[in-house]
Structure formats: C-alpha cells, structure tokens
C-alpha atoms as a PDB file:
ATOM      1  CA  MET A   1      80.865 126.569 129.302  1.00  0.00           C
ATOM      2  CA  THR A   2      84.707 126.675 128.945  1.00  0.00           C
ATOM      3  CA  ARG A   3      86.527 123.654 130.240  1.00  0.00           C
ATOM      4  CA  ARG A   4      90.128 123.998 131.151  1.00  0.00           C
ATOM      5  CA  VAL A   5      92.840 121.431 130.648  1.00  0.00           C
ATOM      6  CA  GLU A   6      94.602 120.820 133.961  1.00  0.00           C
ATOM      7  CA  PRO A   7      98.459 121.266 134.113  1.00  0.00           C
ATOM      8  CA  GLY A   8     100.560 118.109 133.911  1.00  0.00           C
ATOM      9  CA  ARG A   9      98.568 116.573 131.171  1.00  0.00           C
ATOM     10  CA  ARG A  10     100.641 115.461 128.187  1.00  0.00           C
ATOM     11  CA  VAL A  11     100.069 113.996 124.748  1.00  0.00           C
ATOM     12  CA  ALA A  12     102.657 112.869 122.032  1.00  0.00           C
ATOM     13  CA  VAL A  13     102.111 112.584 118.408  1.00  0.00           C
ATOM     14  CA  ARG A  14     104.024 110.869 115.522  1.00  0.00           C
ATOM     15  CA  VAL A  15     103.346 112.205 112.091  1.00  0.00           C
ATOM     16  CA  PRO A  16     104.896 110.831 108.670  1.00  0.00           C
ATOM     17  CA  ALA A  17     106.266 112.912 105.904  1.00  0.00           C
ATOM     18  CA  SER A  18     104.094 112.464 102.737  1.00  0.00           C
ATOM     19  CA  SER A  19     104.455 113.128  98.799  1.00  0.00           C
ATOM     20  CA  ALA A  20     101.552 114.402  97.040  1.00  0.00           C
ATOM     21  CA  ASN A  21     100.605 114.138  93.151  1.00  0.00           C
ATOM     22  CA  LEU A  22     103.054 111.275  92.324  1.00  0.00           C
ATOM     23  CA  GLY A  23     103.240 112.676  88.808  1.00  0.00           C
ATOM     24  CA  PRO A  24      99.644 112.730  87.136  1.00  0.00           C
ATOM     25  CA  GLY A  25      97.739 112.472  90.444  1.00  0.00           C
ATOM     26  CA  PHE A  26      97.493 116.325  91.017  1.00  0.00           C
ATOM     27  CA  ASP A  27      95.881 117.236  94.289  1.00  0.00           C
ATOM     28  CA  SER A  28      94.367 113.793  94.684  1.00  0.00           C
ATOM     29  CA  LEU A  29      97.148 111.025  95.139  1.00  0.00           C
ATOM     30  CA  GLY A  30      99.380 110.862  98.279  1.00  0.00           C
ATOM     31  CA  LEU A  31     101.757 108.481  99.587  1.00  0.00           C
ATOM     32  CA  ALA A  32     103.054 108.494 103.308  1.00  0.00           C
ATOM     33  CA  LEU A  33     106.774 108.003 103.833  1.00  0.00           C
ATOM     34  CA  ASP A  34     108.642 106.655 106.832  1.00  0.00           C
ATOM     35  CA  LEU A  35     110.251 109.835 107.805  1.00  0.00           C
ATOM     36  CA  VAL A  36     108.570 110.754 111.040  1.00  0.00           C
ATOM     37  CA  ASP A  37     108.317 113.927 113.237  1.00  0.00           C
ATOM     38  CA  GLU A  38     107.658 113.722 116.809  1.00  0.00           C
ATOM     39  CA  VAL A  39     105.749 116.203 118.897  1.00  0.00           C
ATOM     40  CA  GLU A  40     105.042 116.266 122.735  1.00  0.00           C
ATOM     41  CA  VAL A  41     102.847 118.742 124.388  1.00  0.00           C
ATOM     42  CA  THR A  42     102.697 119.167 128.003  1.00  0.00           C
ATOM     43  CA  VAL A  43     100.186 121.472 129.732  1.00  0.00           C
ATOM     44  CA  LEU A  44     101.723 124.162 132.056  1.00  0.00           C
ATOM     45  CA  GLU A  45     100.317 126.609 134.564  1.00  0.00           C
ATOM     46  CA  ASP A  46     101.228 129.470 132.266  1.00  0.00           C
ATOM     47  CA  GLY A  47     103.581 130.614 129.284  1.00  0.00           C
ATOM     48  CA  CYS A  48     104.454 129.109 126.074  1.00  0.00           C
ATOM     49  CA  GLU A  49     107.581 127.181 125.624  1.00  0.00           C
ATOM     50  CA  VAL A  50     108.766 125.843 122.295  1.00  0.00           C
ATOM     51  CA  VAL A  51     111.708 123.465 121.840  1.00  0.00           C
ATOM     52  CA  VAL A  52     112.559 122.300 118.407  1.00  0.00           C
ATOM     53  CA  GLU A  53     115.331 119.943 117.360  1.00  0.00           C
ATOM     54  CA  GLY A  54     116.335 119.015 113.973  1.00  0.00           C
ATOM     55  CA  GLU A  55     114.606 120.570 110.847  1.00  0.00           C
ATOM     56  CA  GLY A  56     113.515 124.176 111.339  1.00  0.00           C
ATOM     57  CA  ALA A  57     115.339 124.434 114.640  1.00  0.00           C
ATOM     58  CA  GLY A  58     116.720 127.826 113.914  1.00  0.00           C
ATOM     59  CA  THR A  59     114.030 129.258 111.702  1.00  0.00           C
ATOM     60  CA  VAL A  60     110.656 128.250 112.898  1.00  0.00           C
ATOM     61  CA  PRO A  61     108.623 130.490 115.478  1.00  0.00           C
ATOM     62  CA  ARG A  62     109.217 129.805 119.213  1.00  0.00           C
ATOM     63  CA  ASP A  63     105.899 131.134 120.426  1.00  0.00           C
ATOM     64  CA  ARG A  64     102.145 130.709 119.787  1.00  0.00           C
ATOM     65  CA  SER A  65     102.385 131.374 116.207  1.00  0.00           C
ATOM     66  CA  HIS A  66     104.373 128.090 115.857  1.00  0.00           C
ATOM     67  CA  LEU A  67     102.241 126.070 113.306  1.00  0.00           C
ATOM     68  CA  VAL A  68     101.608 123.089 115.683  1.00  0.00           C
ATOM     69  CA  VAL A  69     100.840 125.343 118.618  1.00  0.00           C
ATOM     70  CA  ALA A  70      98.459 127.731 116.581  1.00  0.00           C
ATOM     71  CA  THR A  71      96.599 124.757 115.195  1.00  0.00           C
ATOM     72  CA  LEU A  72      96.247 123.154 118.667  1.00  0.00           C
ATOM     73  CA  LEU A  73      94.923 126.364 120.307  1.00  0.00           C
ATOM     74  CA  ASP A  74      92.427 127.062 117.434  1.00  0.00           C
ATOM     75  CA  ALA A  75      91.151 123.542 117.665  1.00  0.00           C
ATOM     76  CA  LEU A  76      90.728 123.750 121.394  1.00  0.00           C
ATOM     77  CA  ALA A  77      89.053 127.131 121.073  1.00  0.00           C
ATOM     78  CA  GLY A  78      86.302 125.596 118.711  1.00  0.00           C
ATOM     79  CA  TRP A  79      85.402 123.263 121.498  1.00  0.00           C
ATOM     80  CA  ASP A  80      85.516 126.006 124.372  1.00  0.00           C
ATOM     81  CA  VAL A  81      88.530 124.247 125.922  1.00  0.00           C
ATOM     82  CA  GLU A  82      91.423 126.351 127.136  1.00  0.00           C
ATOM     83  CA  LEU A  83      94.815 125.670 128.722  1.00  0.00           C
ATOM     84  CA  LEU A  84      96.751 128.231 130.696  1.00  0.00           C
ATOM     85  CA  GLY A  85     100.104 127.293 129.325  1.00  0.00           C
ATOM     86  CA  LEU A  86     102.100 124.749 127.302  1.00  0.00           C
ATOM     87  CA  ARG A  87     105.203 123.283 126.399  1.00  0.00           C
ATOM     88  CA  LEU A  88     105.849 122.069 122.765  1.00  0.00           C
ATOM     89  CA  GLU A  89     108.756 119.788 122.194  1.00  0.00           C
ATOM     90  CA  ALA A  90     109.297 118.923 118.444  1.00  0.00           C
ATOM     91  CA  ARG A  91     111.961 116.485 117.115  1.00  0.00           C
ATOM     92  CA  ASN A  92     111.742 117.264 113.304  1.00  0.00           C
ATOM     93  CA  VAL A  93     113.272 115.091 110.408  1.00  0.00           C
ATOM     94  CA  ILE A  94     110.826 116.082 107.688  1.00  0.00           C
ATOM     95  CA  PRO A  95     112.619 118.697 105.437  1.00  0.00           C
ATOM     96  CA  HIS A  96     110.961 122.075 105.389  1.00  0.00           C
ATOM     97  CA  GLY A  97     109.782 123.664 101.973  1.00  0.00           C
ATOM     98  CA  ARG A  98     111.019 120.614 100.022  1.00  0.00           C
ATOM     99  CA  GLY A  99     107.679 119.094  98.975  1.00  0.00           C
ATOM    100  CA  LEU A 100     107.575 116.351 101.584  1.00  0.00           C
ATOM    101  CA  GLY A 101     104.523 117.338 103.568  1.00  0.00           C
ATOM    102  CA  SER A 102     106.096 119.148 106.420  1.00  0.00           C
ATOM    103  CA  SER A 103     103.198 121.781 106.919  1.00  0.00           C
ATOM    104  CA  SER A 104     100.745 118.877 106.598  1.00  0.00           C
ATOM    105  CA  ALA A 105     102.531 116.949 109.294  1.00  0.00           C
ATOM    106  CA  ALA A 106     102.392 120.133 111.478  1.00  0.00           C
ATOM    107  CA  LEU A 107      98.797 120.664 111.137  1.00  0.00           C
ATOM    108  CA  VAL A 108      97.795 116.988 111.810  1.00  0.00           C
ATOM    109  CA  ALA A 109     100.114 117.058 114.725  1.00  0.00           C
ATOM    110  CA  GLY A 110      98.383 120.087 116.135  1.00  0.00           C
ATOM    111  CA  LEU A 111      94.919 118.886 115.584  1.00  0.00           C
ATOM    112  CA  LEU A 112      95.753 115.304 117.090  1.00  0.00           C
ATOM    113  CA  ALA A 113      97.356 116.975 120.182  1.00  0.00           C
ATOM    114  CA  ALA A 114      94.379 119.024 120.746  1.00  0.00           C
ATOM    115  CA  TRP A 115      92.028 116.052 120.398  1.00  0.00           C
ATOM    116  CA  GLY A 116      94.003 114.209 122.858  1.00  0.00           C
ATOM    117  CA  LEU A 117      93.950 117.034 125.511  1.00  0.00           C
ATOM    118  CA  ALA A 118      90.229 117.949 124.912  1.00  0.00           C
ATOM    119  CA  HIS A 119      88.865 114.271 124.531  1.00  0.00           C
ATOM    120  CA  PRO A 120      91.090 112.062 126.774  1.00  0.00           C
ATOM    121  CA  GLY A 121      90.104 108.346 126.395  1.00  0.00           C
ATOM    122  CA  VAL A 122      87.861 109.095 123.319  1.00  0.00           C
ATOM    123  CA  PRO A 123      88.854 107.537 120.058  1.00  0.00           C
ATOM    124  CA  VAL A 124      89.963 110.031 117.443  1.00  0.00           C
ATOM    125  CA  ASP A 125      87.044 111.227 114.991  1.00  0.00           C
ATOM    126  CA  ARG A 126      89.230 110.562 111.753  1.00  0.00           C
ATOM    127  CA  ASP A 127      86.549 112.297 109.660  1.00  0.00           C
ATOM    128  CA  TRP A 128      86.809 115.411 111.871  1.00  0.00           C
ATOM    129  CA  LEU A 129      90.529 115.219 111.445  1.00  0.00           C
ATOM    130  CA  LEU A 130      90.627 114.872 107.625  1.00  0.00           C
ATOM    131  CA  GLN A 131      88.010 117.737 107.168  1.00  0.00           C
ATOM    132  CA  ARG A 132      89.637 120.027 109.560  1.00  0.00           C
ATOM    133  CA  SER A 133      93.275 119.437 108.209  1.00  0.00           C
ATOM    134  CA  ASN A 134      91.831 119.735 104.604  1.00  0.00           C
ATOM    135  CA  ALA A 135      90.130 123.043 105.297  1.00  0.00           C
ATOM    136  CA  LEU A 136      93.443 124.416 106.765  1.00  0.00           C
ATOM    137  CA  GLU A 137      95.803 123.057 103.971  1.00  0.00           C
ATOM    138  CA  GLY A 138      93.407 123.461 101.021  1.00  0.00           C
ATOM    139  CA  HIS A 139      93.729 120.109  99.638  1.00  0.00           C
ATOM    140  CA  ALA A 140      93.590 116.431 101.036  1.00  0.00           C
ATOM    141  CA  ASP A 141      96.335 114.652  99.379  1.00  0.00           C
ATOM    142  CA  ASN A 142      99.258 115.378 102.002  1.00  0.00           C
ATOM    143  CA  VAL A 143      97.060 115.446 105.025  1.00  0.00           C
ATOM    144  CA  ALA A 144      95.147 112.230 104.165  1.00  0.00           C
ATOM    145  CA  ALA A 145      98.464 110.530 103.478  1.00  0.00           C
ATOM    146  CA  THR A 146      99.701 111.738 106.915  1.00  0.00           C
ATOM    147  CA  ILE A 147      96.542 110.661 108.777  1.00  0.00           C
ATOM    148  CA  CYS A 148      95.892 107.152 106.968  1.00  0.00           C
ATOM    149  CA  GLY A 149      99.468 106.146 105.916  1.00  0.00           C
ATOM    150  CA  GLY A 150     100.249 104.132 102.755  1.00  0.00           C
ATOM    151  CA  LEU A 151      98.780 105.187  99.334  1.00  0.00           C
ATOM    152  CA  VAL A 152      95.620 107.602  99.445  1.00  0.00           C
ATOM    153  CA  LEU A 153      93.151 108.547  96.818  1.00  0.00           C
ATOM    154  CA  THR A 154      91.349 111.655  97.636  1.00  0.00           C
ATOM    155  CA  TRP A 155      88.399 113.670  95.949  1.00  0.00           C
ATOM    156  CA  SER A 156      85.527 116.003  96.871  1.00  0.00           C
ATOM    157  CA  ASP A 157      82.098 116.440  95.263  1.00  0.00           C
ATOM    158  CA  THR A 158      82.768 120.146  94.722  1.00  0.00           C
ATOM    159  CA  PRO A 159      86.006 122.171  94.548  1.00  0.00           C
ATOM    160  CA  GLY A 160      86.942 122.869  97.931  1.00  0.00           C
ATOM    161  CA  GLY A 161      84.131 120.837  99.304  1.00  0.00           C
ATOM    162  CA  ARG A 162      83.946 118.086 101.833  1.00  0.00           C
ATOM    163  CA  ALA A 163      87.020 115.527 101.332  1.00  0.00           C
ATOM    164  CA  SER A 164      86.817 111.906 100.827  1.00  0.00           C
ATOM    165  CA  VAL A 165      89.628 109.348 100.990  1.00  0.00           C
ATOM    166  CA  CYS A 166      90.218 105.583 100.297  1.00  0.00           C
ATOM    167  CA  SER A 167      93.362 103.624 100.578  1.00  0.00           C
ATOM    168  CA  GLY A 168      95.175 102.266  97.664  1.00  0.00           C
ATOM    169  CA  ARG A 169      96.718  99.038  97.267  1.00  0.00           C
ATOM    170  CA  LEU A 170     100.570  98.748  96.882  1.00  0.00           C
ATOM    171  CA  VAL A 171     102.569  96.074  95.359  1.00  0.00           C
ATOM    172  CA  GLU A 172     105.029  94.174  97.646  1.00  0.00           C
ATOM    173  CA  GLY A 173     108.603  95.503  97.471  1.00  0.00           C
ATOM    174  CA  LEU A 174     107.665  99.101  96.501  1.00  0.00           C
ATOM    175  CA  ARG A 175     110.305 101.564  97.699  1.00  0.00           C
ATOM    176  CA  THR A 176     110.969 105.166  97.220  1.00  0.00           C
ATOM    177  CA  LEU A 177     114.030 107.261  96.858  1.00  0.00           C
ATOM    178  CA  ALA A 178     113.709 110.924  97.818  1.00  0.00           C
ATOM    179  CA  LEU A 179     116.494 113.152  96.434  1.00  0.00           C
ATOM    180  CA  VAL A 180     116.195 116.281  98.590  1.00  0.00           C
ATOM    181  CA  PRO A 181     118.022 119.541  97.497  1.00  0.00           C
ATOM    182  CA  ARG A 182     119.241 122.221  99.824  1.00  0.00           C
ATOM    183  CA  SER A 183     117.011 124.811  97.950  1.00  0.00           C
ATOM    184  CA  VAL A 184     113.376 125.660  98.959  1.00  0.00           C
ATOM    185  CA  VAL A 185     110.235 126.169  96.989  1.00  0.00           C
ATOM    186  CA  LEU A 186     107.320 127.587  98.627  1.00  0.00           C
ATOM    187  CA  THR A 187     104.013 125.928  97.711  1.00  0.00           C
ATOM    188  CA  GLU A 188     102.207 129.346  97.008  1.00  0.00           C
ATOM    189  CA  HIS A 189     104.945 130.175  94.447  1.00  0.00           C
ATOM    190  CA  ALA A 190     104.570 126.911  92.847  1.00  0.00           C
ATOM    191  CA  ARG A 191     100.981 127.154  92.524  1.00  0.00           C
ATOM    192  CA  ARG A 192     101.264 130.612  91.000  1.00  0.00           C
ATOM    193  CA  VAL A 193     103.003 129.413  88.071  1.00  0.00           C
ATOM    194  CA  LEU A 194     100.469 126.799  87.010  1.00  0.00           C
ATOM    195  CA  PRO A 195      98.356 127.621  84.030  1.00  0.00           C
ATOM    196  CA  THR A 196      94.674 128.531  84.736  1.00  0.00           C
ATOM    197  CA  GLU A 197      93.615 126.436  81.661  1.00  0.00           C
ATOM    198  CA  VAL A 198      95.009 123.138  79.860  1.00  0.00           C
ATOM    199  CA  ALA A 199      94.291 121.706  76.565  1.00  0.00           C
ATOM    200  CA  HIS A 200      91.474 119.004  76.364  1.00  0.00           C
ATOM    201  CA  ARG A 201      94.091 116.461  75.091  1.00  0.00           C
ATOM    202  CA  ASP A 202      96.420 117.115  77.865  1.00  0.00           C
ATOM    203  CA  ALA A 203      93.697 116.777  80.680  1.00  0.00           C
ATOM    204  CA  ALA A 204      92.539 113.522  78.931  1.00  0.00           C
ATOM    205  CA  ALA A 205      96.116 112.178  78.696  1.00  0.00           C
ATOM    206  CA  ASN A 206      96.674 112.960  82.430  1.00  0.00           C
ATOM    207  CA  THR A 207      93.459 111.286  83.461  1.00  0.00           C
ATOM    208  CA  GLY A 208      94.651 108.110  81.791  1.00  0.00           C
ATOM    209  CA  ARG A 209      98.089 108.209  83.320  1.00  0.00           C
ATOM    210  CA  ALA A 210      96.593 108.683  86.847  1.00  0.00           C
ATOM    211  CA  ALA A 211      94.314 105.642  86.323  1.00  0.00           C
ATOM    212  CA  LEU A 212      97.320 103.751  85.126  1.00  0.00           C
ATOM    213  CA  LEU A 213      99.297 104.771  88.191  1.00  0.00           C
ATOM    214  CA  VAL A 214      97.005 103.283  90.559  1.00  0.00           C
ATOM    215  CA  HIS A 215      97.039  99.912  88.639  1.00  0.00           C
ATOM    216  CA  ALA A 216     100.839 100.262  88.409  1.00  0.00           C
ATOM    217  CA  LEU A 217     101.313 100.842  92.076  1.00  0.00           C
ATOM    218  CA  ALA A 218      98.925  97.974  93.045  1.00  0.00           C
ATOM    219  CA  THR A 219     100.074  95.271  90.702  1.00  0.00           C
ATOM    220  CA  ASP A 220     102.682  96.134  87.960  1.00  0.00           C
ATOM    221  CA  PRO A 221     105.575  98.322  88.789  1.00  0.00           C
ATOM    222  CA  ASP A 222     106.991  97.820  85.346  1.00  0.00           C
ATOM    223  CA  LEU A 223     104.380 100.345  84.133  1.00  0.00           C
ATOM    224  CA  LEU A 224     105.439 102.925  86.704  1.00  0.00           C
ATOM    225  CA  LEU A 225     107.466 104.994  84.191  1.00  0.00           C
ATOM    226  CA  PRO A 226     104.736 105.620  81.630  1.00  0.00           C
ATOM    227  CA  ALA A 227     102.192 105.748  84.591  1.00  0.00           C
ATOM    228  CA  THR A 228     104.007 108.774  86.242  1.00  0.00           C
ATOM    229  CA  ARG A 229     104.041 111.008  83.045  1.00  0.00           C
ATOM    230  CA  ASP A 230     102.209 114.401  83.781  1.00  0.00           C
ATOM    231  CA  TRP A 231     100.974 117.163  81.561  1.00  0.00           C
ATOM    232  CA  LEU A 232      99.510 119.434  84.315  1.00  0.00           C
ATOM    233  CA  HIS A 233     102.106 120.694  86.609  1.00  0.00           C
ATOM    234  CA  GLN A 234     105.678 119.336  86.475  1.00  0.00           C
ATOM    235  CA  ASP A 235     106.681 121.107  83.272  1.00  0.00           C
ATOM    236  CA  ALA A 236     105.238 124.506  84.281  1.00  0.00           C
ATOM    237  CA  ARG A 237     107.098 124.355  87.643  1.00  0.00           C
ATOM    238  CA  ALA A 238     110.431 123.477  86.054  1.00  0.00           C
ATOM    239  CA  GLY A 239     111.799 127.105  85.957  1.00  0.00           C
ATOM    240  CA  LEU A 240     111.435 127.320  89.750  1.00  0.00           C
ATOM    241  CA  MET A 241     113.637 124.335  90.318  1.00  0.00           C
ATOM    242  CA  PRO A 242     115.932 123.798  87.226  1.00  0.00           C
ATOM    243  CA  GLU A 243     118.415 121.350  89.042  1.00  0.00           C
ATOM    244  CA  ALA A 244     115.650 119.143  90.180  1.00  0.00           C
ATOM    245  CA  ASP A 245     114.000 119.199  86.792  1.00  0.00           C
ATOM    246  CA  ARG A 246     117.192 118.270  85.040  1.00  0.00           C
ATOM    247  CA  LEU A 247     117.701 115.422  87.637  1.00  0.00           C
ATOM    248  CA  ARG A 248     114.086 114.197  87.175  1.00  0.00           C
ATOM    249  CA  ARG A 249     114.395 114.217  83.397  1.00  0.00           C
ATOM    250  CA  ALA A 250     117.677 112.254  83.624  1.00  0.00           C
ATOM    251  CA  LEU A 251     116.152 109.612  85.867  1.00  0.00           C
ATOM    252  CA  ARG A 252     113.356 109.071  83.467  1.00  0.00           C
ATOM    253  CA  GLU A 253     115.648 108.912  80.585  1.00  0.00           C
ATOM    254  CA  ALA A 254     117.396 106.102  82.289  1.00  0.00           C
ATOM    255  CA  GLY A 255     114.137 104.196  82.803  1.00  0.00           C
ATOM    256  CA  PHE A 256     113.165 105.226  86.357  1.00  0.00           C
ATOM    257  CA  ALA A 257     109.676 106.725  87.582  1.00  0.00           C
ATOM    258  CA  ALA A 258     110.858 109.967  88.869  1.00  0.00           C
ATOM    259  CA  VAL A 259     108.523 112.764  89.746  1.00  0.00           C
ATOM    260  CA  VAL A 260     108.275 116.011  91.600  1.00  0.00           C
ATOM    261  CA  SER A 261     107.351 115.381  95.061  1.00  0.00           C
ATOM    262  CA  GLY A 262     104.501 117.690  95.885  1.00  0.00           C
ATOM    263  CA  ALA A 263     105.306 121.257  94.898  1.00  0.00           C
ATOM    264  CA  GLY A 264     109.072 120.445  94.826  1.00  0.00           C
ATOM    265  CA  PRO A 265     111.921 120.603  94.613  1.00  0.00           C
ATOM    266  CA  THR A 266     112.404 117.144  95.945  1.00  0.00           C
ATOM    267  CA  VAL A 267     112.549 114.465  93.359  1.00  0.00           C
ATOM    268  CA  LEU A 268     111.007 111.097  94.222  1.00  0.00           C
ATOM    269  CA  VAL A 269     111.465 107.826  92.403  1.00  0.00           C
ATOM    270  CA  LEU A 270     109.087 105.012  92.730  1.00  0.00           C
ATOM    271  CA  ALA A 271     110.587 101.682  92.399  1.00  0.00           C
ATOM    272  CA  GLY A 272     109.373  98.195  92.327  1.00  0.00           C
ATOM    273  CA  ALA A 273     111.683  95.322  93.616  1.00  0.00           C
ATOM    274  CA  GLN A 274     113.098  94.700  90.187  1.00  0.00           C
ATOM    275  CA  HIS A 275     114.344  98.428  90.054  1.00  0.00           C
ATOM    276  CA  HIS A 276     116.099  98.529  93.499  1.00  0.00           C
ATOM    277  CA  GLU A 277     119.646  97.376  92.277  1.00  0.00           C
ATOM    278  CA  PRO A 278     119.400  99.296  88.951  1.00  0.00           C
ATOM    279  CA  LEU A 279     118.585 102.502  90.655  1.00  0.00           C
ATOM    280  CA  ARG A 280     121.349 101.935  93.247  1.00  0.00           C
ATOM    281  CA  GLN A 281     123.790 101.490  90.588  1.00  0.00           C
ATOM    282  CA  TRP A 282     122.594 104.504  88.617  1.00  0.00           C
ATOM    283  CA  LEU A 283     122.799 106.572  91.828  1.00  0.00           C
ATOM    284  CA  GLU A 284     126.232 105.368  92.464  1.00  0.00           C
ATOM    285  CA  SER A 285     127.478 106.245  89.107  1.00  0.00           C
ATOM    286  CA  ALA A 286     125.946 109.721  89.208  1.00  0.00           C
ATOM    287  CA  THR A 287     127.387 110.598  92.729  1.00  0.00           C
ATOM    288  CA  GLY A 288     129.796 113.353  92.590  1.00  0.00           C
ATOM    289  CA  ARG A 289     128.647 114.477  88.974  1.00  0.00           C
ATOM    290  CA  GLU A 290     127.027 118.015  88.684  1.00  0.00           C
ATOM    291  CA  LEU A 291     123.686 116.238  88.100  1.00  0.00           C
ATOM    292  CA  THR A 292     123.288 115.099  91.649  1.00  0.00           C
ATOM    293  CA  ASP A 293     125.376 117.911  93.437  1.00  0.00           C
ATOM    294  CA  GLY A 294     123.281 119.339  96.270  1.00  0.00           C
ATOM    295  CA  PHE A 295     120.947 116.527  96.529  1.00  0.00           C
ATOM    296  CA  ALA A 296     120.715 114.253  99.729  1.00  0.00           C
ATOM    297  CA  ALA A 297     119.596 110.686  98.807  1.00  0.00           C
ATOM    298  CA  LEU A 298     116.997 109.348 101.286  1.00  0.00           C
ATOM    299  CA  PRO A 299     115.920 105.745 100.505  1.00  0.00           C
ATOM    300  CA  LEU A 300     112.391 105.483 102.072  1.00  0.00           C
ATOM    301  CA  ALA A 301     109.840 102.797 102.608  1.00  0.00           C
ATOM    302  CA  VAL A 302     105.970 103.503 102.731  1.00  0.00           C
ATOM    303  CA  GLY A 303     105.173 104.982 105.892  1.00  0.00           C
ATOM    304  CA  GLY A 304     102.240 104.436 108.330  1.00  0.00           C
ATOM    305  CA  GLY A 305      99.732 106.738 109.645  1.00  0.00           C
ATOM    306  CA  ALA A 306      99.687 109.421 112.290  1.00  0.00           C
ATOM    307  CA  VAL A 307      99.841 108.037 115.988  1.00  0.00           C
ATOM    308  CA  LEU A 308      98.473 109.895 119.204  1.00  0.00           C
ATOM    309  CA  GLU A 309      99.618 108.895 122.610  1.00  0.00           C
ATOM    310  CA  VAL A 310      97.830 110.256 125.674  1.00  0.00           C
ATOM    311  CA  ASP A 311      98.903 110.026 129.160  1.00  0.00           C
ATOM    312  CA  PRO A 312      96.380 108.474 131.399  1.00  0.00           C
ATOM    313  CA  VAL A 313      94.084 110.928 133.204  1.00  0.00           C
ATOM    314  CA  ARG A 314      95.204 111.062 136.890  1.00  0.00           C
END
C-alpha cells in the first residue's frame, strides 16, 4: 500500500566533494574533500520548487528532472512512498563537470533525503546507500568517498556487480590542493577516449603503483610522487584537457604528486606535511604565468562523510 509523506516534513543533507582514481587507482580509489554541498528538502502540499545557490545556479534544471529531486523521487517510488509536492534548496560549492564528484554528491544527497523522508528515526542502511548509488553512478569510488569520507578502497567480485568498500589509513598532515580550471570535461567523453586494451606490462606497472599509493598515503608521503604514476587513463585523456595536462606534468617535474582528479580537468596535488611549504612557494612563483592561467587554487583537507539531518516527526 502506498504511504504518503505529510507536508511540512523536512530533511537536510551535507555531502562532500570527492576525487577518484588518485592516479593509478582507476575506478577503485576515492578521497573525500572538505568542500561540501548542502541540500534541504521540505514536503509541500503540491508542486515542485527548486532553489539553487552557487555552482550550477543558472544551468541546472529547476523541476523534477533536477538530479537530486529525480533521485529522491525514484527511491521513494521503490518503497511505494509518495509526496504531493516538495521544495528543494541547494547551496552548491562543488564545481560541476570538473572531476570533483558533483554528480556523485547529488546522487547521494537525493538518496539520503529519500531515506530520511521514508524512514524517519531509522538509521540509514549504508549498504543500501552504497549499492543504490553505485548502480546509478556506474562506479563506486566517488560515491563511496562521499558516503564514508576519508580514503576509500572499492571493489566488486564481477564487473558492474555488488560494490564493496573499506576505509584506508591516511598519514597525519596529508593535504590536497585542487587546481580547478574554468573548462568542463564530461565524464562520458573522458571515458570514450580510453583504450579498450592495455599492454600487460602497463597493467602490471599500474597495479604496483596503486599498491604503493595505499602505503604512501598511510605511512610514507615521500613516496607519493612515484606512487601516483599512472599508465591507464591520464595520458589517454590529455587531448581533452591540454592545459590541465601541462600543469600536471609541470608539477610532477617539480617533485609534487599531481594527478587528474577523476575524469578531469581539475588537477589534484597530494601533499604530506613536508610538501606544504615547497608547494606553496611553487604555486606562488607560478601565479600569473601561462601555466596556471585560468586555474583557481583550492587548498583542501580530507573531508568527512555525508550527513543526514531529519526534523522530528510531529
């Protein structure tokens, strides 16, 4: 039997940005960042109101096709729960189309909001949240980082199968620097240019570096530069983001662990405590040069996981 959510109910969600791959950890490693979107949903008597501040304010849909709204309504329908109307208020700071997990954040926000409306007072089923968001996104690295926070390692027993996740250790003092360009790269375009086959030696080399990266992030940030070397995706995508590729290569030549964040074009630098000051000096010396023109520098700490707040049922 269909249940109806009464008008006046409200839920609020906070969801962090995330960076996937981190170089060699293609579709498996993810890192939450302390750049947080805030979403509030209020149940109305009828209609659909969408108010967006910040990122995407002039471009995202203002109706039920908005990604958070569409995800929320689809999840409610799966539980035979309906609401007559809703108001979505979104305060966005995660850049769209830049490889910082904005779509994953929206999916997780919609699913968490749906859970809060349909199951007031019931702890969130984190496995349901992971499986559902993984099915919608198609890979678990970003969504798992958004859900769990920190560093996540994700895998499945079969391609496209049930997702699993565990949290990785992070060495004290680890920071990131996101260099965000004005240009946008769509994930589907970035995936389209990937080779369908890779040489055995490249696959083996990538496996070794991904294993080394888990160690470097946990205990030895001096190894971050070699640990972030990748043979699977970054070079193949360079033509889609030539300015970002030049910047990434320049940073690596200077000794910093720079990678393409997700599908790009944001460049993410992973820095241990000993790298903070040299990186600041490098960035200061590079400011105003063609190399960094058009890039906004965002120093970011590692972020926590998504948070759901539900108004008490009256």
